[in-house]
Amino acid sequence: MTNHFEELRRKIEKHSANVGVVGLGYVGLPLVVEFAHAGFCVTGIDVQESKVDAINRGESYIQDIPTEALAPYVKAGKVRATTDFSVVRDLDTINICVPTPLRKTKDPDMSFIVNACQEIAKHFHPGTLVILESTTYPGTTDELMLPMFEEAGLKVGKDFFMCFSPERVDPGNPKYQTKNIPKVVGGITPACTEIGALFYKQALDTVVPVGSTSVAE
């Protein structure tokens, strides 16, 4: 029987895991670059073709990421972007960094998260780590996301791993950026938290594991 935890841990530690980032805005694109800088192959997924085309040309549209910081990784084949969610079949980790704008009622619009999860779930496979980074309310990961991925009969903490890690990017801040802002991460199970923290430690300076997804949220 495959031990998905140990297999994923080996891939992460060897930097051979295929990393995916869904949502290539001011949170997602810097994350792509940090993991490429750490030696991983990273695939960015976005529904906006203009963003995908710019990245594949090696051009950045995010103020915190100069084009010259992105272009070498694209040229080296470490970074690529696509609108096609079927690439999820080949990914070992998936960070969801889609927007959650406030509606007129002052609650977050969850449609981007739901749509992303539905697309990912179509191509999902055992042994994958999924981390939500989008700003949201406590309970989102467990109550909204988890059921979509357990539909196929997979068990969280054993067959796949799920965490929440709040994005804390301050665009334009010259001192604190993605790499050196302490990264909080909480998983649905202890194994999820452990593998999520290990993943971030490969590319970011400080990782702070917490007791659950709700604590992280």
N, C-alpha and C. Protein backbone atom coordinates (compact mmCIF):
# COMPACT_ATOMS: atom_id res chain seq x y z
N MET A 1 0.84 -1.20 0.00
CA MET A 1 0.00 0.00 0.00
C MET A 1 0.88 1.26 0.00
N THR A 2 0.54 2.20 -0.82
CA THR A 2 1.34 3.43 -0.92
C THR A 2 1.19 4.29 0.33
N ASN A 3 2.32 4.69 0.89
CA ASN A 3 2.29 5.65 1.99
C ASN A 3 2.42 7.04 1.39
N HIS A 4 1.29 7.70 1.18
CA HIS A 4 1.29 8.98 0.47
C HIS A 4 2.05 10.05 1.23
N PHE A 5 2.00 10.00 2.56
CA PHE A 5 2.70 11.01 3.37
C PHE A 5 4.21 10.93 3.13
N GLU A 6 4.76 9.72 3.27
CA GLU A 6 6.21 9.56 3.13
C GLU A 6 6.67 9.87 1.70
N GLU A 7 5.87 9.47 0.74
CA GLU A 7 6.23 9.72 -0.66
C GLU A 7 6.27 11.21 -0.95
N LEU A 8 5.24 11.93 -0.47
CA LEU A 8 5.19 13.37 -0.69
C LEU A 8 6.31 14.07 0.07
N ARG A 9 6.59 13.61 1.29
CA ARG A 9 7.67 14.22 2.06
C ARG A 9 9.01 14.08 1.33
N ARG A 10 9.26 12.91 0.77
CA ARG A 10 10.51 12.71 0.03
C ARG A 10 10.61 13.66 -1.15
N LYS A 11 9.50 13.79 -1.89
CA LYS A 11 9.51 14.68 -3.05
C LYS A 11 9.77 16.14 -2.64
N ILE A 12 9.12 16.56 -1.55
CA ILE A 12 9.29 17.94 -1.09
C ILE A 12 10.72 18.18 -0.64
N GLU A 13 11.28 17.25 0.13
CA GLU A 13 12.64 17.43 0.65
C GLU A 13 13.68 17.40 -0.48
N LYS A 14 13.41 16.63 -1.52
CA LYS A 14 14.34 16.55 -2.66
C LYS A 14 14.09 17.69 -3.67
N HIS A 15 13.06 18.47 -3.43
CA HIS A 15 12.64 19.55 -4.34
C HIS A 15 12.26 19.01 -5.71
N SER A 16 11.78 17.75 -5.73
CA SER A 16 11.32 17.16 -6.98
C SER A 16 9.80 17.20 -7.11
N ALA A 17 9.11 17.71 -6.08
CA ALA A 17 7.65 17.84 -6.14
C ALA A 17 7.28 18.86 -7.21
N ASN A 18 6.24 18.55 -7.96
CA ASN A 18 5.71 19.51 -8.93
C ASN A 18 4.73 20.44 -8.22
N VAL A 19 5.06 21.71 -8.18
CA VAL A 19 4.29 22.69 -7.43
C VAL A 19 3.31 23.40 -8.35
N GLY A 20 2.07 23.57 -7.88
CA GLY A 20 1.06 24.30 -8.64
C GLY A 20 0.53 25.47 -7.84
N VAL A 21 0.27 26.58 -8.51
CA VAL A 21 -0.31 27.75 -7.87
C VAL A 21 -1.50 28.21 -8.72
N VAL A 22 -2.68 28.23 -8.10
CA VAL A 22 -3.90 28.64 -8.79
C VAL A 22 -4.23 30.08 -8.40
N GLY A 23 -4.26 30.97 -9.37
CA GLY A 23 -4.46 32.41 -9.11
C GLY A 23 -3.12 33.11 -9.13
N LEU A 24 -2.85 33.86 -10.21
CA LEU A 24 -1.52 34.43 -10.43
C LEU A 24 -1.52 35.94 -10.26
N GLY A 25 -2.08 36.38 -9.14
CA GLY A 25 -2.10 37.80 -8.82
C GLY A 25 -0.98 38.18 -7.88
N TYR A 26 -1.21 39.17 -7.02
CA TYR A 26 -0.14 39.69 -6.16
C TYR A 26 0.26 38.72 -5.05
N VAL A 27 -0.55 37.69 -4.82
CA VAL A 27 -0.19 36.63 -3.87
C VAL A 27 0.44 35.45 -4.60
N GLY A 28 -0.21 35.00 -5.67
CA GLY A 28 0.21 33.78 -6.35
C GLY A 28 1.53 33.91 -7.09
N LEU A 29 1.73 34.99 -7.83
CA LEU A 29 2.95 35.10 -8.65
C LEU A 29 4.22 35.17 -7.80
N PRO A 30 4.26 35.98 -6.72
CA PRO A 30 5.45 35.94 -5.87
C PRO A 30 5.73 34.55 -5.28
N LEU A 31 4.67 33.80 -4.98
CA LEU A 31 4.85 32.44 -4.47
C LEU A 31 5.47 31.54 -5.54
N VAL A 32 5.02 31.69 -6.77
CA VAL A 32 5.60 30.95 -7.90
C VAL A 32 7.11 31.20 -7.97
N VAL A 33 7.49 32.47 -7.89
CA VAL A 33 8.91 32.83 -8.03
C VAL A 33 9.73 32.30 -6.86
N GLU A 34 9.20 32.37 -5.63
CA GLU A 34 9.96 31.88 -4.47
C GLU A 34 10.21 30.37 -4.56
N PHE A 35 9.22 29.62 -4.98
CA PHE A 35 9.41 28.16 -5.08
C PHE A 35 10.30 27.80 -6.27
N ALA A 36 10.24 28.57 -7.34
CA ALA A 36 11.17 28.35 -8.46
C ALA A 36 12.59 28.67 -8.01
N HIS A 37 12.74 29.75 -7.25
CA HIS A 37 14.04 30.13 -6.71
C HIS A 37 14.62 29.03 -5.81
N ALA A 38 13.73 28.32 -5.10
CA ALA A 38 14.16 27.22 -4.22
C ALA A 38 14.47 25.94 -4.99
N GLY A 39 14.23 25.95 -6.31
CA GLY A 39 14.61 24.81 -7.14
C GLY A 39 13.47 23.94 -7.62
N PHE A 40 12.24 24.30 -7.30
CA PHE A 40 11.08 23.50 -7.73
C PHE A 40 10.65 23.89 -9.14
N CYS A 41 10.01 22.95 -9.83
CA CYS A 41 9.31 23.27 -11.08
C CYS A 41 7.89 23.70 -10.70
N VAL A 42 7.48 24.87 -11.17
CA VAL A 42 6.21 25.45 -10.74
C VAL A 42 5.31 25.71 -11.95
N THR A 43 4.05 25.28 -11.81
CA THR A 43 3.05 25.55 -12.84
C THR A 43 2.01 26.50 -12.27
N GLY A 44 1.82 27.63 -12.91
CA GLY A 44 0.79 28.58 -12.51
C GLY A 44 -0.47 28.36 -13.33
N ILE A 45 -1.62 28.43 -12.66
CA ILE A 45 -2.91 28.28 -13.34
C ILE A 45 -3.74 29.53 -13.10
N ASP A 46 -4.27 30.09 -14.17
CA ASP A 46 -5.14 31.26 -14.04
C ASP A 46 -6.14 31.25 -15.17
N VAL A 47 -7.33 31.76 -14.91
CA VAL A 47 -8.37 31.78 -15.95
C VAL A 47 -8.18 32.95 -16.91
N GLN A 48 -7.32 33.91 -16.54
CA GLN A 48 -7.06 35.07 -17.43
C GLN A 48 -5.92 34.75 -18.38
N GLU A 49 -6.24 34.63 -19.65
CA GLU A 49 -5.22 34.28 -20.64
C GLU A 49 -4.12 35.33 -20.73
N SER A 50 -4.47 36.60 -20.48
CA SER A 50 -3.47 37.66 -20.58
C SER A 50 -2.35 37.46 -19.56
N LYS A 51 -2.72 37.03 -18.34
CA LYS A 51 -1.70 36.76 -17.31
C LYS A 51 -0.84 35.56 -17.69
N VAL A 52 -1.49 34.51 -18.15
CA VAL A 52 -0.78 33.30 -18.55
C VAL A 52 0.21 33.61 -19.68
N ASP A 53 -0.24 34.37 -20.67
CA ASP A 53 0.62 34.71 -21.81
C ASP A 53 1.81 35.55 -21.37
N ALA A 54 1.57 36.51 -20.47
CA ALA A 54 2.66 37.36 -19.98
C ALA A 54 3.71 36.53 -19.26
N ILE A 55 3.27 35.64 -18.38
CA ILE A 55 4.23 34.80 -17.64
C ILE A 55 5.03 33.93 -18.60
N ASN A 56 4.37 33.32 -19.55
CA ASN A 56 5.07 32.44 -20.49
C ASN A 56 6.04 33.20 -21.39
N ARG A 57 5.86 34.53 -21.47
CA ARG A 57 6.85 35.38 -22.16
C ARG A 57 7.95 35.82 -21.20
N GLY A 58 7.77 35.51 -19.92
CA GLY A 58 8.75 35.92 -18.91
C GLY A 58 8.54 37.33 -18.42
N GLU A 59 7.32 37.86 -18.61
CA GLU A 59 7.03 39.24 -18.23
C GLU A 59 6.17 39.28 -16.98
N SER A 60 6.55 40.11 -16.01
CA SER A 60 5.76 40.26 -14.78
C SER A 60 4.85 41.47 -14.87
N TYR A 61 3.67 41.35 -14.26
CA TYR A 61 2.71 42.45 -14.17
C TYR A 61 2.45 42.80 -12.71
N ILE A 62 3.28 42.27 -11.80
CA ILE A 62 3.14 42.49 -10.37
C ILE A 62 4.29 43.37 -9.88
N GLN A 63 3.99 44.44 -9.14
CA GLN A 63 5.02 45.41 -8.78
C GLN A 63 6.14 44.80 -7.93
N ASP A 64 5.81 43.80 -7.10
CA ASP A 64 6.84 43.21 -6.23
C ASP A 64 7.74 42.22 -6.96
N ILE A 65 7.39 41.85 -8.17
CA ILE A 65 8.18 40.89 -8.94
C ILE A 65 8.69 41.56 -10.22
N PRO A 66 9.95 42.01 -10.25
CA PRO A 66 10.49 42.58 -11.48
C PRO A 66 10.55 41.51 -12.58
N THR A 67 10.36 41.91 -13.81
CA THR A 67 10.44 40.97 -14.93
C THR A 67 11.76 40.21 -14.91
N GLU A 68 12.84 40.90 -14.54
CA GLU A 68 14.15 40.22 -14.53
C GLU A 68 14.25 39.15 -13.45
N ALA A 69 13.34 39.19 -12.46
CA ALA A 69 13.32 38.14 -11.44
C ALA A 69 12.55 36.91 -11.91
N LEU A 70 11.59 37.12 -12.81
CA LEU A 70 10.76 36.03 -13.32
C LEU A 70 11.36 35.36 -14.55
N ALA A 71 11.85 36.16 -15.47
CA ALA A 71 12.25 35.68 -16.80
C ALA A 71 13.23 34.51 -16.78
N PRO A 72 14.29 34.53 -15.92
CA PRO A 72 15.24 33.41 -15.95
C PRO A 72 14.61 32.06 -15.64
N TYR A 73 13.61 32.05 -14.74
CA TYR A 73 12.96 30.78 -14.38
C TYR A 73 12.08 30.27 -15.51
N VAL A 74 11.45 31.19 -16.24
CA VAL A 74 10.65 30.80 -17.40
C VAL A 74 11.57 30.23 -18.48
N LYS A 75 12.67 30.92 -18.71
CA LYS A 75 13.63 30.49 -19.74
C LYS A 75 14.23 29.13 -19.39
N ALA A 76 14.45 28.87 -18.09
CA ALA A 76 15.05 27.61 -17.64
C ALA A 76 14.04 26.47 -17.56
N GLY A 77 12.76 26.79 -17.83
CA GLY A 77 11.73 25.76 -17.77
C GLY A 77 11.25 25.45 -16.36
N LYS A 78 11.61 26.31 -15.40
CA LYS A 78 11.18 26.10 -14.01
C LYS A 78 9.79 26.66 -13.75
N VAL A 79 9.37 27.62 -14.56
CA VAL A 79 8.05 28.25 -14.40
C VAL A 79 7.32 28.22 -15.73
N ARG A 80 6.06 27.79 -15.66
CA ARG A 80 5.18 27.89 -16.84
C ARG A 80 3.78 28.19 -16.34
N ALA A 81 2.94 28.68 -17.22
CA ALA A 81 1.58 29.04 -16.82
C ALA A 81 0.58 28.50 -17.85
N THR A 82 -0.64 28.25 -17.38
CA THR A 82 -1.66 27.68 -18.25
C THR A 82 -3.05 28.06 -17.73
N THR A 83 -4.04 27.98 -18.62
CA THR A 83 -5.44 28.14 -18.20
C THR A 83 -6.09 26.76 -18.04
N ASP A 84 -5.35 25.70 -18.30
CA ASP A 84 -5.89 24.34 -18.36
C ASP A 84 -5.69 23.60 -17.03
N PHE A 85 -6.79 23.36 -16.32
CA PHE A 85 -6.72 22.71 -15.02
C PHE A 85 -6.34 21.23 -15.08
N SER A 86 -6.31 20.65 -16.28
CA SER A 86 -5.95 19.23 -16.36
C SER A 86 -4.51 18.97 -15.94
N VAL A 87 -3.67 20.04 -15.86
CA VAL A 87 -2.29 19.87 -15.39
C VAL A 87 -2.24 19.41 -13.92
N VAL A 88 -3.38 19.56 -13.21
CA VAL A 88 -3.46 19.11 -11.81
C VAL A 88 -3.08 17.64 -11.69
N ARG A 89 -3.33 16.86 -12.74
CA ARG A 89 -2.99 15.43 -12.73
C ARG A 89 -1.51 15.20 -12.45
N ASP A 90 -0.67 16.17 -12.84
CA ASP A 90 0.79 16.01 -12.69
C ASP A 90 1.36 16.77 -11.50
N LEU A 91 0.51 17.42 -10.71
CA LEU A 91 0.99 18.24 -9.60
C LEU A 91 1.00 17.46 -8.28
N ASP A 92 1.97 17.79 -7.43
CA ASP A 92 2.05 17.19 -6.09
C ASP A 92 1.52 18.14 -5.02
N THR A 93 1.64 19.44 -5.26
CA THR A 93 1.14 20.45 -4.32
C THR A 93 0.36 21.50 -5.09
N ILE A 94 -0.69 22.04 -4.47
CA ILE A 94 -1.51 23.07 -5.12
C ILE A 94 -1.82 24.16 -4.10
N ASN A 95 -1.37 25.37 -4.36
CA ASN A 95 -1.73 26.52 -3.54
C ASN A 95 -2.83 27.30 -4.25
N ILE A 96 -3.93 27.54 -3.54
CA ILE A 96 -5.05 28.28 -4.12
C ILE A 96 -4.98 29.72 -3.62
N CYS A 97 -4.73 30.65 -4.54
CA CYS A 97 -4.51 32.06 -4.20
C CYS A 97 -5.48 32.95 -4.98
N VAL A 98 -6.72 32.53 -5.06
CA VAL A 98 -7.71 33.29 -5.84
C VAL A 98 -8.31 34.40 -4.97
N PRO A 99 -8.85 35.45 -5.59
CA PRO A 99 -9.41 36.56 -4.81
C PRO A 99 -10.72 36.20 -4.10
N THR A 100 -10.96 36.86 -2.98
CA THR A 100 -12.26 36.76 -2.29
C THR A 100 -12.75 38.16 -1.98
N PRO A 101 -13.18 38.89 -3.01
CA PRO A 101 -13.62 40.28 -2.80
C PRO A 101 -14.86 40.34 -1.92
N LEU A 102 -14.98 41.43 -1.18
CA LEU A 102 -16.17 41.61 -0.34
C LEU A 102 -17.36 41.99 -1.21
N ARG A 103 -18.50 41.37 -0.90
CA ARG A 103 -19.74 41.73 -1.59
C ARG A 103 -20.35 42.95 -0.90
N LYS A 104 -21.46 43.44 -1.45
CA LYS A 104 -22.14 44.59 -0.86
C LYS A 104 -22.57 44.31 0.57
N THR A 105 -22.82 43.03 0.86
CA THR A 105 -23.25 42.63 2.21
C THR A 105 -22.08 42.50 3.18
N LYS A 106 -20.86 42.83 2.72
CA LYS A 106 -19.64 42.82 3.53
C LYS A 106 -19.13 41.41 3.87
N ASP A 107 -19.67 40.39 3.19
CA ASP A 107 -19.12 39.05 3.38
C ASP A 107 -18.33 38.67 2.13
N PRO A 108 -17.33 37.79 2.26
CA PRO A 108 -16.47 37.49 1.12
C PRO A 108 -17.19 36.69 0.04
N ASP A 109 -16.91 37.02 -1.20
CA ASP A 109 -17.45 36.29 -2.35
C ASP A 109 -16.61 35.01 -2.50
N MET A 110 -17.24 33.87 -2.20
CA MET A 110 -16.51 32.60 -2.20
C MET A 110 -16.52 31.91 -3.56
N SER A 111 -17.12 32.53 -4.56
CA SER A 111 -17.31 31.85 -5.85
C SER A 111 -15.98 31.48 -6.51
N PHE A 112 -14.95 32.33 -6.33
CA PHE A 112 -13.65 32.03 -6.95
C PHE A 112 -13.02 30.78 -6.34
N ILE A 113 -13.16 30.65 -5.00
CA ILE A 113 -12.64 29.46 -4.31
C ILE A 113 -13.42 28.22 -4.77
N VAL A 114 -14.74 28.33 -4.78
CA VAL A 114 -15.58 27.19 -5.17
C VAL A 114 -15.26 26.75 -6.60
N ASN A 115 -15.17 27.71 -7.51
CA ASN A 115 -14.89 27.38 -8.91
C ASN A 115 -13.53 26.72 -9.06
N ALA A 116 -12.52 27.26 -8.35
CA ALA A 116 -11.17 26.68 -8.43
C ALA A 116 -11.16 25.26 -7.90
N CYS A 117 -11.82 25.04 -6.75
CA CYS A 117 -11.86 23.70 -6.16
C CYS A 117 -12.59 22.71 -7.05
N GLN A 118 -13.66 23.15 -7.67
CA GLN A 118 -14.41 22.26 -8.58
C GLN A 118 -13.55 21.84 -9.76
N GLU A 119 -12.77 22.78 -10.30
CA GLU A 119 -11.90 22.46 -11.43
C GLU A 119 -10.76 21.54 -11.00
N ILE A 120 -10.17 21.82 -9.84
CA ILE A 120 -9.09 20.98 -9.33
C ILE A 120 -9.59 19.56 -9.07
N ALA A 121 -10.78 19.46 -8.46
CA ALA A 121 -11.33 18.16 -8.07
C ALA A 121 -11.53 17.23 -9.27
N LYS A 122 -11.76 17.80 -10.45
CA LYS A 122 -11.95 16.98 -11.66
C LYS A 122 -10.70 16.17 -12.01
N HIS A 123 -9.54 16.67 -11.61
CA HIS A 123 -8.27 16.04 -12.00
C HIS A 123 -7.44 15.62 -10.77
N PHE A 124 -8.09 15.63 -9.62
CA PHE A 124 -7.39 15.40 -8.35
C PHE A 124 -6.95 13.94 -8.22
N HIS A 125 -5.87 13.72 -7.50
CA HIS A 125 -5.35 12.36 -7.33
C HIS A 125 -4.75 12.20 -5.94
N PRO A 126 -4.65 10.98 -5.45
CA PRO A 126 -4.06 10.73 -4.13
C PRO A 126 -2.62 11.23 -4.05
N GLY A 127 -2.21 11.59 -2.83
CA GLY A 127 -0.84 12.03 -2.60
C GLY A 127 -0.60 13.51 -2.81
N THR A 128 -1.69 14.28 -2.93
CA THR A 128 -1.58 15.71 -3.23
C THR A 128 -1.78 16.54 -1.96
N LEU A 129 -1.01 17.62 -1.85
CA LEU A 129 -1.18 18.62 -0.79
C LEU A 129 -1.90 19.82 -1.38
N VAL A 130 -3.03 20.21 -0.78
CA VAL A 130 -3.79 21.38 -1.23
C VAL A 130 -3.80 22.42 -0.11
N ILE A 131 -3.40 23.63 -0.42
CA ILE A 131 -3.36 24.70 0.59
C ILE A 131 -4.14 25.90 0.09
N LEU A 132 -5.12 26.32 0.86
CA LEU A 132 -5.87 27.54 0.55
C LEU A 132 -5.17 28.73 1.20
N GLU A 133 -4.94 29.78 0.40
CA GLU A 133 -4.32 31.00 0.93
C GLU A 133 -5.26 32.20 0.87
N SER A 134 -6.35 32.07 0.16
CA SER A 134 -7.28 33.19 -0.02
C SER A 134 -7.85 33.66 1.32
N THR A 135 -7.99 34.97 1.48
CA THR A 135 -8.53 35.55 2.71
C THR A 135 -9.99 35.13 2.88
N THR A 136 -10.31 34.54 4.03
CA THR A 136 -11.66 34.03 4.23
C THR A 136 -11.98 33.88 5.71
N TYR A 137 -13.14 33.33 6.00
CA TYR A 137 -13.61 33.22 7.38
C TYR A 137 -13.25 31.85 7.97
N PRO A 138 -13.14 31.73 9.31
CA PRO A 138 -12.84 30.44 9.95
C PRO A 138 -13.90 29.39 9.60
N GLY A 139 -13.43 28.23 9.21
CA GLY A 139 -14.33 27.14 8.84
C GLY A 139 -14.37 26.87 7.35
N THR A 140 -13.84 27.77 6.54
CA THR A 140 -13.93 27.62 5.08
C THR A 140 -13.28 26.32 4.59
N THR A 141 -12.06 26.06 5.05
CA THR A 141 -11.31 24.90 4.54
C THR A 141 -12.04 23.60 4.87
N ASP A 142 -12.46 23.46 6.14
CA ASP A 142 -13.13 22.23 6.57
C ASP A 142 -14.53 22.09 5.99
N GLU A 143 -15.28 23.18 6.01
CA GLU A 143 -16.70 23.09 5.68
C GLU A 143 -17.00 23.23 4.19
N LEU A 144 -16.22 24.07 3.51
CA LEU A 144 -16.48 24.35 2.09
C LEU A 144 -15.60 23.50 1.17
N MET A 145 -14.29 23.47 1.45
CA MET A 145 -13.36 22.81 0.55
C MET A 145 -13.33 21.30 0.71
N LEU A 146 -13.18 20.85 1.95
CA LEU A 146 -12.93 19.43 2.20
C LEU A 146 -13.96 18.50 1.55
N PRO A 147 -15.27 18.79 1.67
CA PRO A 147 -16.25 17.88 1.07
C PRO A 147 -16.07 17.68 -0.44
N MET A 148 -15.58 18.71 -1.14
CA MET A 148 -15.38 18.60 -2.59
C MET A 148 -14.31 17.58 -2.95
N PHE A 149 -13.31 17.46 -2.07
CA PHE A 149 -12.19 16.57 -2.36
C PHE A 149 -12.38 15.17 -1.78
N GLU A 150 -13.28 15.06 -0.82
CA GLU A 150 -13.55 13.74 -0.24
C GLU A 150 -14.62 12.98 -1.02
N GLU A 151 -15.24 13.64 -2.00
CA GLU A 151 -16.31 13.01 -2.78
C GLU A 151 -15.84 11.74 -3.48
N ALA A 152 -14.56 11.74 -3.87
CA ALA A 152 -14.03 10.58 -4.62
C ALA A 152 -13.67 9.42 -3.70
N GLY A 153 -13.98 9.55 -2.40
CA GLY A 153 -13.67 8.47 -1.46
C GLY A 153 -12.28 8.56 -0.85
N LEU A 154 -11.59 9.67 -1.09
CA LEU A 154 -10.25 9.86 -0.52
C LEU A 154 -10.35 10.37 0.91
N LYS A 155 -9.39 9.95 1.75
CA LYS A 155 -9.42 10.33 3.16
C LYS A 155 -8.34 11.37 3.44
N VAL A 156 -8.75 12.51 4.01
CA VAL A 156 -7.79 13.58 4.30
C VAL A 156 -6.85 13.14 5.42
N GLY A 157 -5.57 13.50 5.30
CA GLY A 157 -4.57 13.11 6.28
C GLY A 157 -3.92 11.78 5.97
N LYS A 158 -4.51 11.05 5.01
CA LYS A 158 -3.97 9.75 4.62
C LYS A 158 -3.76 9.68 3.10
N ASP A 159 -4.83 9.94 2.35
CA ASP A 159 -4.76 9.89 0.89
C ASP A 159 -4.36 11.23 0.28
N PHE A 160 -4.74 12.30 0.95
CA PHE A 160 -4.34 13.64 0.51
C PHE A 160 -4.28 14.54 1.74
N PHE A 161 -3.74 15.74 1.54
CA PHE A 161 -3.45 16.62 2.68
C PHE A 161 -3.97 18.02 2.37
N MET A 162 -4.59 18.64 3.39
CA MET A 162 -5.23 19.94 3.17
C MET A 162 -4.92 20.89 4.31
N CYS A 163 -4.53 22.11 3.96
CA CYS A 163 -4.16 23.13 4.94
C CYS A 163 -4.77 24.48 4.56
N PHE A 164 -4.75 25.39 5.54
CA PHE A 164 -4.99 26.80 5.26
C PHE A 164 -3.77 27.58 5.72
N SER A 165 -3.35 28.51 4.89
CA SER A 165 -2.23 29.39 5.23
C SER A 165 -2.56 30.79 4.73
N PRO A 166 -2.86 31.72 5.64
CA PRO A 166 -3.32 33.04 5.20
C PRO A 166 -2.25 33.81 4.44
N GLU A 167 -2.65 34.36 3.30
CA GLU A 167 -1.71 35.24 2.59
C GLU A 167 -1.57 36.52 3.40
N ARG A 168 -0.33 36.98 3.52
CA ARG A 168 -0.09 38.17 4.33
C ARG A 168 0.80 39.15 3.56
N VAL A 169 0.58 39.19 2.26
CA VAL A 169 1.40 40.04 1.40
C VAL A 169 1.00 41.50 1.56
N ASP A 170 2.02 42.35 1.63
CA ASP A 170 1.81 43.80 1.70
C ASP A 170 2.42 44.39 0.43
N PRO A 171 1.65 44.49 -0.65
CA PRO A 171 2.21 44.92 -1.93
C PRO A 171 2.96 46.24 -1.83
N GLY A 172 4.17 46.25 -2.41
CA GLY A 172 4.96 47.47 -2.43
C GLY A 172 5.81 47.68 -1.20
N ASN A 173 5.69 46.83 -0.19
CA ASN A 173 6.51 46.97 1.01
C ASN A 173 7.93 46.49 0.71
N PRO A 174 8.93 47.39 0.78
CA PRO A 174 10.28 47.00 0.41
C PRO A 174 10.96 46.09 1.44
N LYS A 175 10.47 46.10 2.68
CA LYS A 175 11.11 45.33 3.75
C LYS A 175 10.52 43.93 3.90
N TYR A 176 9.18 43.85 3.91
CA TYR A 176 8.52 42.55 4.12
C TYR A 176 7.82 42.09 2.85
N GLN A 177 8.31 40.97 2.32
CA GLN A 177 7.72 40.39 1.12
C GLN A 177 7.44 38.91 1.36
N THR A 178 7.03 38.19 0.33
CA THR A 178 6.59 36.80 0.50
C THR A 178 7.61 35.96 1.25
N LYS A 179 8.89 36.11 0.93
CA LYS A 179 9.91 35.22 1.51
C LYS A 179 10.11 35.43 3.01
N ASN A 180 10.02 36.67 3.49
CA ASN A 180 10.40 36.92 4.90
C ASN A 180 9.24 37.29 5.82
N ILE A 181 8.00 37.24 5.32
CA ILE A 181 6.85 37.40 6.22
C ILE A 181 6.58 36.05 6.87
N PRO A 182 6.52 35.96 8.21
CA PRO A 182 6.25 34.67 8.86
C PRO A 182 4.99 34.01 8.30
N LYS A 183 5.09 32.73 7.95
CA LYS A 183 4.01 32.01 7.27
C LYS A 183 3.28 31.08 8.23
N VAL A 184 2.05 31.44 8.55
CA VAL A 184 1.21 30.62 9.42
C VAL A 184 0.58 29.51 8.59
N VAL A 185 0.56 28.28 9.12
CA VAL A 185 -0.08 27.18 8.40
C VAL A 185 -0.74 26.22 9.38
N GLY A 186 -1.99 25.86 9.09
CA GLY A 186 -2.73 24.90 9.92
C GLY A 186 -3.41 23.88 9.04
N GLY A 187 -3.31 22.60 9.40
CA GLY A 187 -3.90 21.53 8.60
C GLY A 187 -5.15 20.95 9.23
N ILE A 188 -5.89 20.17 8.45
CA ILE A 188 -7.09 19.52 8.97
C ILE A 188 -6.72 18.41 9.94
N THR A 189 -5.58 17.73 9.71
CA THR A 189 -5.06 16.73 10.64
C THR A 189 -3.61 17.10 10.96
N PRO A 190 -3.03 16.52 12.03
CA PRO A 190 -1.62 16.79 12.33
C PRO A 190 -0.69 16.47 11.16
N ALA A 191 -0.98 15.40 10.42
CA ALA A 191 -0.14 15.06 9.26
C ALA A 191 -0.22 16.14 8.19
N CYS A 192 -1.41 16.71 8.03
CA CYS A 192 -1.58 17.80 7.06
C CYS A 192 -0.74 19.01 7.46
N THR A 193 -0.79 19.37 8.75
CA THR A 193 -0.01 20.51 9.24
C THR A 193 1.48 20.26 9.04
N GLU A 194 1.92 19.04 9.36
CA GLU A 194 3.35 18.70 9.25
C GLU A 194 3.85 18.82 7.82
N ILE A 195 3.09 18.27 6.88
CA ILE A 195 3.55 18.29 5.49
C ILE A 195 3.43 19.70 4.90
N GLY A 196 2.41 20.46 5.34
CA GLY A 196 2.25 21.84 4.87
C GLY A 196 3.39 22.72 5.35
N ALA A 197 3.77 22.57 6.63
CA ALA A 197 4.89 23.35 7.18
C ALA A 197 6.19 22.99 6.49
N LEU A 198 6.41 21.68 6.26
CA LEU A 198 7.63 21.23 5.57
C LEU A 198 7.71 21.85 4.18
N PHE A 199 6.59 21.91 3.50
CA PHE A 199 6.55 22.47 2.15
C PHE A 199 6.99 23.93 2.15
N TYR A 200 6.39 24.75 3.01
CA TYR A 200 6.73 26.17 3.04
C TYR A 200 8.18 26.41 3.47
N LYS A 201 8.69 25.54 4.35
CA LYS A 201 10.07 25.73 4.85
C LYS A 201 11.10 25.61 3.75
N GLN A 202 10.74 24.98 2.64
CA GLN A 202 11.70 24.84 1.53
C GLN A 202 11.99 26.17 0.86
N ALA A 203 11.06 27.13 0.97
CA ALA A 203 11.21 28.37 0.19
C ALA A 203 11.10 29.64 1.02
N LEU A 204 10.49 29.57 2.21
CA LEU A 204 10.24 30.78 3.00
C LEU A 204 11.05 30.76 4.30
N ASP A 205 11.33 31.94 4.82
CA ASP A 205 12.25 32.06 5.96
C ASP A 205 11.69 31.51 7.27
N THR A 206 10.45 31.87 7.60
CA THR A 206 9.87 31.52 8.90
C THR A 206 8.49 30.92 8.72
N VAL A 207 8.30 29.70 9.24
CA VAL A 207 7.00 29.02 9.15
C VAL A 207 6.48 28.78 10.55
N VAL A 208 5.21 29.10 10.77
CA VAL A 208 4.59 28.99 12.10
C VAL A 208 3.42 28.01 12.02
N PRO A 209 3.62 26.73 12.40
CA PRO A 209 2.52 25.77 12.38
C PRO A 209 1.55 26.07 13.54
N VAL A 210 0.24 25.94 13.27
CA VAL A 210 -0.77 26.12 14.31
C VAL A 210 -1.68 24.88 14.34
N GLY A 211 -2.57 24.83 15.35
CA GLY A 211 -3.28 23.59 15.67
C GLY A 211 -4.36 23.14 14.72
N SER A 212 -4.87 24.03 13.87
CA SER A 212 -5.96 23.64 12.97
C SER A 212 -6.10 24.64 11.84
N THR A 213 -6.93 24.29 10.87
CA THR A 213 -7.20 25.24 9.79
C THR A 213 -7.95 26.46 10.33
N SER A 214 -8.86 26.26 11.27
CA SER A 214 -9.63 27.39 11.81
C SER A 214 -8.75 28.38 12.55
N VAL A 215 -7.75 27.87 13.27
CA VAL A 215 -6.80 28.77 13.96
C VAL A 215 -6.04 29.59 12.91
N ALA A 216 -5.61 28.95 11.85
CA ALA A 216 -4.88 29.66 10.79
C ALA A 216 -5.79 30.69 10.11
N GLU A 217 -7.07 30.31 9.92
CA GLU A 217 -8.02 31.23 9.29
C GLU A 217 -8.31 32.43 10.19
